[in-house]
Amino acid sequence: MLMDRFSAKRAMILTGKSLKTKTDVIKNIEKLLGDKHAVTFSEIGQHAPVEGIEDGLKAFTDSGADIIISVGGGSPIDSAKVISSLHNDKHGSFIKSIAVPTTLAAAEFTMNGGYTKDKKKTGVAGPELVPAAVILDAELSLSTPEKLWLSTGMRAVDHAVEALYRPHVPPPVKVLAYAAVVTLFKELRACKANPKDVETRQALQIAAWESLFPYKQEADAKSTLGLRYD
């Protein structure tokens, strides 16, 4: 188990209300963890409001957990990064996390954690915030609403295309981006036609990884995501 690899004794599951209350995903992970499950915190809302994140940090501290398992889309996965950053600010140490994505947003492959404060989007960033491990299990995505699954798939297309025009992107990463575009265009249509096909979903998860493949840039060669006007 990954918990043993990281010398972690008890985990806090970090997720949203829908996964917790409307599916068996969280219940099954809790059962798998057994006595290594410390607490489940499911008050992470859309766009990760800071209030939920602060409550999540308190739940983590009070439970005696020493690792976070974030389950869901970008909001819980980014929230785990922000909780880790806040924990470092308060206690001088980052919290390791294991990401279990159920969308194709690919937040699990970045060092950036976005959240909402005073109704404005903000965020934290740093190499220490990248999940220590990512579990791509397509079966866990079967309960993801179709609109969310397919729309985050288009977000993966966006990531891949950006990798092709941004400056300083290494050639091997561009090759992965081209592969991601090909897979996404084919398999998103296939998934729309047959939403229960786990192999198609697994291919899409791999493509989302390829679309935002992590690599370290030199300080003087950084290029941000999004359109640039120079």
C-alpha atoms as a PDB file:
ATOM      1  CA  MET A   1       0.000   0.000   0.000  1.00  0.00           C
ATOM      2  CA  LEU A   2       1.203   3.519  -0.782  1.00  0.00           C
ATOM      3  CA  MET A   3       0.574   4.505   2.832  1.00  0.00           C
ATOM      4  CA  ASP A   4       3.354   2.138   3.911  1.00  0.00           C
ATOM      5  CA  ARG A   5       5.724   3.498   1.270  1.00  0.00           C
ATOM      6  CA  PHE A   6       5.298   6.975   2.770  1.00  0.00           C
ATOM      7  CA  SER A   7       5.433   5.686   6.372  1.00  0.00           C
ATOM      8  CA  ALA A   8       1.935   7.090   6.890  1.00  0.00           C
ATOM      9  CA  LYS A   9      -0.223   5.633   9.642  1.00  0.00           C
ATOM     10  CA  ARG A  10      -3.625   7.291   9.221  1.00  0.00           C
ATOM     11  CA  ALA A  11      -5.234   9.118   6.312  1.00  0.00           C
ATOM     12  CA  MET A  12      -7.798  11.851   5.977  1.00  0.00           C
ATOM     13  CA  ILE A  13      -9.970  11.444   2.880  1.00  0.00           C
ATOM     14  CA  LEU A  14     -10.655  14.845   1.326  1.00  0.00           C
ATOM     15  CA  THR A  15     -13.565  15.028  -1.083  1.00  0.00           C
ATOM     16  CA  GLY A  16     -16.813  16.778  -2.000  1.00  0.00           C
ATOM     17  CA  LYS A  17     -20.357  16.170  -0.827  1.00  0.00           C
ATOM     18  CA  SER A  18     -21.585  14.520  -4.018  1.00  0.00           C
ATOM     19  CA  LEU A  19     -18.964  11.767  -4.012  1.00  0.00           C
ATOM     20  CA  LYS A  20     -19.514  11.187  -0.314  1.00  0.00           C
ATOM     21  CA  THR A  21     -23.320  11.118  -0.289  1.00  0.00           C
ATOM     22  CA  LYS A  22     -24.378  10.066  -3.800  1.00  0.00           C
ATOM     23  CA  THR A  23     -21.863   7.329  -4.665  1.00  0.00           C
ATOM     24  CA  ASP A  24     -20.091   4.375  -3.064  1.00  0.00           C
ATOM     25  CA  VAL A  25     -16.638   5.645  -4.062  1.00  0.00           C
ATOM     26  CA  ILE A  26     -15.702   7.088  -0.671  1.00  0.00           C
ATOM     27  CA  LYS A  27     -17.298   4.250   1.267  1.00  0.00           C
ATOM     28  CA  ASN A  28     -15.206   1.744  -0.682  1.00  0.00           C
ATOM     29  CA  ILE A  29     -11.983   3.676  -0.097  1.00  0.00           C
ATOM     30  CA  GLU A  30     -12.767   3.919   3.615  1.00  0.00           C
ATOM     31  CA  LYS A  31     -13.282   0.159   3.709  1.00  0.00           C
ATOM     32  CA  LEU A  32     -10.009  -0.427   1.861  1.00  0.00           C
ATOM     33  CA  LEU A  33      -8.118   1.749   4.337  1.00  0.00           C
ATOM     34  CA  GLY A  34      -9.573  -0.029   7.361  1.00  0.00           C
ATOM     35  CA  ASP A  35      -7.940   1.140  10.584  1.00  0.00           C
ATOM     36  CA  LYS A  36      -5.699   3.454   8.577  1.00  0.00           C
ATOM     37  CA  HIS A  37      -8.724   5.694   7.935  1.00  0.00           C
ATOM     38  CA  ALA A  38      -8.688   8.637  10.338  1.00  0.00           C
ATOM     39  CA  VAL A  39     -11.523  10.831   9.046  1.00  0.00           C
ATOM     40  CA  THR A  40     -13.388  11.822   5.894  1.00  0.00           C
ATOM     41  CA  PHE A  41     -13.838  15.532   5.238  1.00  0.00           C
ATOM     42  CA  SER A  42     -16.382  16.218   2.508  1.00  0.00           C
ATOM     43  CA  GLU A  43     -17.075  19.928   2.880  1.00  0.00           C
ATOM     44  CA  ILE A  44     -14.963  21.007  -0.093  1.00  0.00           C
ATOM     45  CA  GLY A  45     -17.226  23.031  -2.350  1.00  0.00           C
ATOM     46  CA  GLN A  46     -16.942  24.035  -5.993  1.00  0.00           C
ATOM     47  CA  HIS A  47     -13.939  26.302  -6.629  1.00  0.00           C
ATOM     48  CA  ALA A  48     -12.613  25.362  -3.163  1.00  0.00           C
ATOM     49  CA  PRO A  49     -13.790  28.207  -0.865  1.00  0.00           C
ATOM     50  CA  VAL A  50     -11.150  29.024   1.743  1.00  0.00           C
ATOM     51  CA  GLU A  51     -13.593  28.442   4.596  1.00  0.00           C
ATOM     52  CA  GLY A  52     -13.891  24.773   3.683  1.00  0.00           C
ATOM     53  CA  ILE A  53     -10.129  24.490   3.338  1.00  0.00           C
ATOM     54  CA  GLU A  54      -9.553  25.947   6.803  1.00  0.00           C
ATOM     55  CA  ASP A  55     -12.110  23.536   8.255  1.00  0.00           C
ATOM     56  CA  GLY A  56     -10.347  20.735   6.405  1.00  0.00           C
ATOM     57  CA  LEU A  57      -7.025  21.644   8.003  1.00  0.00           C
ATOM     58  CA  LYS A  58      -8.675  21.577  11.426  1.00  0.00           C
ATOM     59  CA  ALA A  59     -10.235  18.187  10.695  1.00  0.00           C
ATOM     60  CA  PHE A  60      -6.829  16.870   9.616  1.00  0.00           C
ATOM     61  CA  THR A  61      -5.139  18.128  12.784  1.00  0.00           C
ATOM     62  CA  ASP A  62      -7.890  16.968  15.138  1.00  0.00           C
ATOM     63  CA  SER A  63      -8.040  13.484  13.626  1.00  0.00           C
ATOM     64  CA  GLY A  64      -4.357  12.725  14.052  1.00  0.00           C
ATOM     65  CA  ALA A  65      -3.979  11.967  10.344  1.00  0.00           C
ATOM     66  CA  ASP A  66      -0.530  12.235   8.750  1.00  0.00           C
ATOM     67  CA  ILE A  67      -1.451  12.056   5.047  1.00  0.00           C
ATOM     68  CA  ILE A  68      -4.305  13.252   2.822  1.00  0.00           C
ATOM     69  CA  ILE A  69      -6.058  11.183   0.167  1.00  0.00           C
ATOM     70  CA  SER A  70      -7.843  13.633  -2.129  1.00  0.00           C
ATOM     71  CA  VAL A  71     -10.643  12.094  -4.166  1.00  0.00           C
ATOM     72  CA  GLY A  72     -12.572  13.849  -6.925  1.00  0.00           C
ATOM     73  CA  GLY A  73     -11.926  16.674  -9.347  1.00  0.00           C
ATOM     74  CA  GLY A  74      -9.798  19.767  -9.224  1.00  0.00           C
ATOM     75  CA  SER A  75     -11.423  21.249  -6.102  1.00  0.00           C
ATOM     76  CA  PRO A  76     -10.501  18.526  -3.565  1.00  0.00           C
ATOM     77  CA  ILE A  77      -7.140  17.841  -5.201  1.00  0.00           C
ATOM     78  CA  ASP A  78      -6.209  21.541  -5.172  1.00  0.00           C
ATOM     79  CA  SER A  79      -7.596  21.882  -1.645  1.00  0.00           C
ATOM     80  CA  ALA A  80      -5.172  19.211  -0.441  1.00  0.00           C
ATOM     81  CA  LYS A  81      -2.330  21.347  -1.795  1.00  0.00           C
ATOM     82  CA  VAL A  82      -3.650  24.473  -0.078  1.00  0.00           C
ATOM     83  CA  ILE A  83      -4.120  22.602   3.216  1.00  0.00           C
ATOM     84  CA  SER A  84      -0.522  21.405   2.941  1.00  0.00           C
ATOM     85  CA  SER A  85       0.652  24.968   2.331  1.00  0.00           C
ATOM     86  CA  LEU A  86      -1.321  26.314   5.300  1.00  0.00           C
ATOM     87  CA  HIS A  87       0.007  23.513   7.504  1.00  0.00           C
ATOM     88  CA  ASN A  88       3.544  24.488   6.543  1.00  0.00           C
ATOM     89  CA  ASP A  89       2.813  28.134   7.344  1.00  0.00           C
ATOM     90  CA  LYS A  90       1.512  27.203  10.796  1.00  0.00           C
ATOM     91  CA  HIS A  91       3.613  24.183  11.752  1.00  0.00           C
ATOM     92  CA  GLY A  92       6.665  24.251   9.488  1.00  0.00           C
ATOM     93  CA  SER A  93       5.960  21.062   7.548  1.00  0.00           C
ATOM     94  CA  PHE A  94       4.100  20.098   4.389  1.00  0.00           C
ATOM     95  CA  ILE A  95       1.523  17.294   4.256  1.00  0.00           C
ATOM     96  CA  LYS A  96       1.961  14.510   1.727  1.00  0.00           C
ATOM     97  CA  SER A  97      -1.083  13.701  -0.364  1.00  0.00           C
ATOM     98  CA  ILE A  98      -2.256  10.899  -2.620  1.00  0.00           C
ATOM     99  CA  ALA A  99      -4.573  12.048  -5.421  1.00  0.00           C
ATOM    100  CA  VAL A 100      -7.384   9.883  -6.775  1.00  0.00           C
ATOM    101  CA  PRO A 101      -8.941  11.860  -9.652  1.00  0.00           C
ATOM    102  CA  THR A 102     -12.465  11.205 -10.920  1.00  0.00           C
ATOM    103  CA  THR A 103     -12.400  13.878 -13.651  1.00  0.00           C
ATOM    104  CA  LEU A 104      -9.971  14.761 -16.455  1.00  0.00           C
ATOM    105  CA  ALA A 105      -8.972  18.173 -15.080  1.00  0.00           C
ATOM    106  CA  ALA A 106      -5.401  16.929 -14.350  1.00  0.00           C
ATOM    107  CA  ALA A 107      -4.944  19.037 -11.197  1.00  0.00           C
ATOM    108  CA  GLU A 108      -3.105  16.061  -9.719  1.00  0.00           C
ATOM    109  CA  PHE A 109      -0.138  16.639 -12.043  1.00  0.00           C
ATOM    110  CA  THR A 110       0.636  20.240 -11.105  1.00  0.00           C
ATOM    111  CA  MET A 111       2.188  22.088  -8.195  1.00  0.00           C
ATOM    112  CA  ASN A 112      -0.510  24.778  -8.264  1.00  0.00           C
ATOM    113  CA  GLY A 113      -3.462  24.817  -5.901  1.00  0.00           C
ATOM    114  CA  GLY A 114      -6.323  27.156  -6.667  1.00  0.00           C
ATOM    115  CA  TYR A 115      -8.986  28.248  -4.202  1.00  0.00           C
ATOM    116  CA  THR A 116     -11.515  31.027  -3.639  1.00  0.00           C
ATOM    117  CA  LYS A 117     -11.143  33.774  -1.051  1.00  0.00           C
ATOM    118  CA  ASP A 118     -13.478  36.772  -0.733  1.00  0.00           C
ATOM    119  CA  LYS A 119     -15.192  35.528  -3.919  1.00  0.00           C
ATOM    120  CA  LYS A 120     -11.931  35.852  -5.876  1.00  0.00           C
ATOM    121  CA  LYS A 121      -9.772  33.087  -7.304  1.00  0.00           C
ATOM    122  CA  THR A 122      -6.285  32.864  -5.843  1.00  0.00           C
ATOM    123  CA  GLY A 123      -3.803  30.095  -5.186  1.00  0.00           C
ATOM    124  CA  VAL A 124      -0.568  28.662  -3.888  1.00  0.00           C
ATOM    125  CA  ALA A 125       2.267  26.941  -5.724  1.00  0.00           C
ATOM    126  CA  GLY A 126       5.413  25.008  -4.960  1.00  0.00           C
ATOM    127  CA  PRO A 127       7.065  21.672  -5.726  1.00  0.00           C
ATOM    128  CA  GLU A 128       6.298  20.429  -2.204  1.00  0.00           C
ATOM    129  CA  LEU A 129       2.568  20.606  -2.998  1.00  0.00           C
ATOM    130  CA  VAL A 130       2.581  18.098  -5.871  1.00  0.00           C
ATOM    131  CA  PRO A 131       0.800  14.874  -4.823  1.00  0.00           C
ATOM    132  CA  ALA A 132       3.281  12.217  -3.768  1.00  0.00           C
ATOM    133  CA  ALA A 133       1.311   9.651  -5.762  1.00  0.00           C
ATOM    134  CA  VAL A 134      -1.579   9.571  -8.227  1.00  0.00           C
ATOM    135  CA  ILE A 135      -3.980   6.650  -8.624  1.00  0.00           C
ATOM    136  CA  LEU A 136      -5.742   6.469 -11.988  1.00  0.00           C
ATOM    137  CA  ASP A 137      -8.646   4.065 -11.522  1.00  0.00           C
ATOM    138  CA  ALA A 138     -11.167   4.493 -14.318  1.00  0.00           C
ATOM    139  CA  GLU A 139     -13.870   2.530 -12.482  1.00  0.00           C
ATOM    140  CA  LEU A 140     -14.016   5.273  -9.850  1.00  0.00           C
ATOM    141  CA  SER A 141     -15.026   7.743 -12.555  1.00  0.00           C
ATOM    142  CA  LEU A 142     -18.165   5.840 -13.590  1.00  0.00           C
ATOM    143  CA  SER A 143     -20.300   7.879 -11.198  1.00  0.00           C
ATOM    144  CA  THR A 144     -18.903  11.221 -12.416  1.00  0.00           C
ATOM    145  CA  PRO A 145     -21.689  13.191 -14.144  1.00  0.00           C
ATOM    146  CA  GLU A 146     -21.345  12.960 -17.915  1.00  0.00           C
ATOM    147  CA  LYS A 147     -21.268  16.727 -18.404  1.00  0.00           C
ATOM    148  CA  LEU A 148     -18.454  17.122 -15.870  1.00  0.00           C
ATOM    149  CA  TRP A 149     -16.439  14.206 -17.258  1.00  0.00           C
ATOM    150  CA  LEU A 150     -16.651  15.350 -20.878  1.00  0.00           C
ATOM    151  CA  SER A 151     -16.133  19.042 -20.123  1.00  0.00           C
ATOM    152  CA  THR A 152     -12.980  18.316 -18.139  1.00  0.00           C
ATOM    153  CA  GLY A 153     -11.923  16.192 -21.115  1.00  0.00           C
ATOM    154  CA  MET A 154     -12.124  19.326 -23.236  1.00  0.00           C
ATOM    155  CA  ARG A 155     -10.046  21.064 -20.576  1.00  0.00           C
ATOM    156  CA  ALA A 156      -7.432  18.365 -21.177  1.00  0.00           C
ATOM    157  CA  VAL A 157      -7.556  19.205 -24.898  1.00  0.00           C
ATOM    158  CA  ASP A 158      -6.906  22.803 -23.880  1.00  0.00           C
ATOM    159  CA  HIS A 159      -3.884  21.760 -21.802  1.00  0.00           C
ATOM    160  CA  ALA A 160      -2.449  19.737 -24.686  1.00  0.00           C
ATOM    161  CA  VAL A 161      -2.870  22.522 -27.232  1.00  0.00           C
ATOM    162  CA  GLU A 162      -1.255  25.019 -24.879  1.00  0.00           C
ATOM    163  CA  ALA A 163       1.742  22.712 -24.523  1.00  0.00           C
ATOM    164  CA  LEU A 164       2.164  22.857 -28.299  1.00  0.00           C
ATOM    165  CA  TYR A 165       2.403  26.652 -28.599  1.00  0.00           C
ATOM    166  CA  ARG A 166       3.934  27.736 -25.294  1.00  0.00           C
ATOM    167  CA  PRO A 167       7.630  28.663 -25.410  1.00  0.00           C
ATOM    168  CA  HIS A 168      10.299  26.548 -23.694  1.00  0.00           C
ATOM    169  CA  VAL A 169       8.261  23.323 -23.682  1.00  0.00           C
ATOM    170  CA  PRO A 170      10.713  20.393 -24.159  1.00  0.00           C
ATOM    171  CA  PRO A 171      10.265  18.342 -27.369  1.00  0.00           C
ATOM    172  CA  PRO A 172       9.368  15.085 -25.542  1.00  0.00           C
ATOM    173  CA  VAL A 173       6.500  16.883 -23.778  1.00  0.00           C
ATOM    174  CA  LYS A 174       5.244  18.167 -27.147  1.00  0.00           C
ATOM    175  CA  VAL A 175       5.188  14.577 -28.416  1.00  0.00           C
ATOM    176  CA  LEU A 176       3.027  13.615 -25.433  1.00  0.00           C
ATOM    177  CA  ALA A 177       0.752  16.594 -26.107  1.00  0.00           C
ATOM    178  CA  TYR A 178       0.210  15.474 -29.720  1.00  0.00           C
ATOM    179  CA  ALA A 179      -0.579  11.966 -28.476  1.00  0.00           C
ATOM    180  CA  ALA A 180      -3.026  13.404 -25.950  1.00  0.00           C
ATOM    181  CA  VAL A 181      -4.878  15.384 -28.624  1.00  0.00           C
ATOM    182  CA  VAL A 182      -5.254  12.288 -30.824  1.00  0.00           C
ATOM    183  CA  THR A 183      -6.544  10.145 -27.938  1.00  0.00           C
ATOM    184  CA  LEU A 184      -8.866  12.810 -26.559  1.00  0.00           C
ATOM    185  CA  PHE A 185     -10.507  13.515 -29.908  1.00  0.00           C
ATOM    186  CA  LYS A 186     -11.131   9.805 -30.452  1.00  0.00           C
ATOM    187  CA  GLU A 187     -11.990   8.572 -26.978  1.00  0.00           C
ATOM    188  CA  LEU A 188     -14.169  11.477 -25.816  1.00  0.00           C
ATOM    189  CA  ARG A 189     -16.534  10.646 -28.680  1.00  0.00           C
ATOM    190  CA  ALA A 190     -16.337   6.955 -27.817  1.00  0.00           C
ATOM    191  CA  CYS A 191     -17.067   7.690 -24.158  1.00  0.00           C
ATOM    192  CA  LYS A 192     -20.085   9.793 -25.106  1.00  0.00           C
ATOM    193  CA  ALA A 193     -21.400   6.846 -27.117  1.00  0.00           C
ATOM    194  CA  ASN A 194     -20.637   4.263 -24.417  1.00  0.00           C
ATOM    195  CA  PRO A 195     -20.181   5.936 -21.006  1.00  0.00           C
ATOM    196  CA  LYS A 196     -19.679   2.647 -19.126  1.00  0.00           C
ATOM    197  CA  ASP A 197     -16.646   1.491 -21.132  1.00  0.00           C
ATOM    198  CA  VAL A 198     -13.885   1.434 -18.509  1.00  0.00           C
ATOM    199  CA  GLU A 199     -11.077   0.920 -21.041  1.00  0.00           C
ATOM    200  CA  THR A 200     -12.100   4.094 -22.866  1.00  0.00           C
ATOM    201  CA  ARG A 201     -12.155   6.004 -19.600  1.00  0.00           C
ATOM    202  CA  GLN A 202      -8.729   4.651 -18.679  1.00  0.00           C
ATOM    203  CA  ALA A 203      -7.345   5.816 -22.032  1.00  0.00           C
ATOM    204  CA  LEU A 204      -8.777   9.271 -21.345  1.00  0.00           C
ATOM    205  CA  GLN A 205      -7.136   9.391 -17.922  1.00  0.00           C
ATOM    206  CA  ILE A 206      -3.762   8.594 -19.481  1.00  0.00           C
ATOM    207  CA  ALA A 207      -4.377  11.262 -22.141  1.00  0.00           C
ATOM    208  CA  ALA A 208      -5.162  13.833 -19.445  1.00  0.00           C
ATOM    209  CA  TRP A 209      -1.797  12.970 -17.859  1.00  0.00           C
ATOM    210  CA  GLU A 210      -0.062  13.394 -21.208  1.00  0.00           C
ATOM    211  CA  SER A 211      -1.846  16.718 -21.786  1.00  0.00           C
ATOM    212  CA  LEU A 212      -0.288  18.262 -18.693  1.00  0.00           C
ATOM    213  CA  PHE A 213       2.785  16.111 -18.220  1.00  0.00           C
ATOM    214  CA  PRO A 214       4.804  17.426 -15.259  1.00  0.00           C
ATOM    215  CA  TYR A 215       8.308  18.678 -15.836  1.00  0.00           C
ATOM    216  CA  LYS A 216      10.591  21.143 -14.095  1.00  0.00           C
ATOM    217  CA  GLN A 217      11.454  24.392 -15.865  1.00  0.00           C
ATOM    218  CA  GLU A 218      14.482  26.534 -15.243  1.00  0.00           C
ATOM    219  CA  ALA A 219      13.697  29.824 -13.505  1.00  0.00           C
ATOM    220  CA  ASP A 220      14.492  31.886 -16.599  1.00  0.00           C
ATOM    221  CA  ALA A 221      12.475  29.676 -18.957  1.00  0.00           C
ATOM    222  CA  LYS A 222       9.077  29.582 -17.321  1.00  0.00           C
ATOM    223  CA  SER A 223       5.996  30.046 -19.453  1.00  0.00           C
ATOM    224  CA  THR A 224       2.534  30.270 -17.972  1.00  0.00           C
ATOM    225  CA  LEU A 225      -0.632  28.584 -19.160  1.00  0.00           C
ATOM    226  CA  GLY A 226      -3.113  30.665 -21.121  1.00  0.00           C
ATOM    227  CA  LEU A 227      -2.857  33.070 -24.022  1.00  0.00           C
ATOM    228  CA  ARG A 228       0.024  35.528 -23.854  1.00  0.00           C
ATOM    229  CA  TYR A 229       0.295  38.981 -25.342  1.00  0.00           C
ATOM    230  CA  ASP A 230       3.938  40.067 -25.605  1.00  0.00           C
END
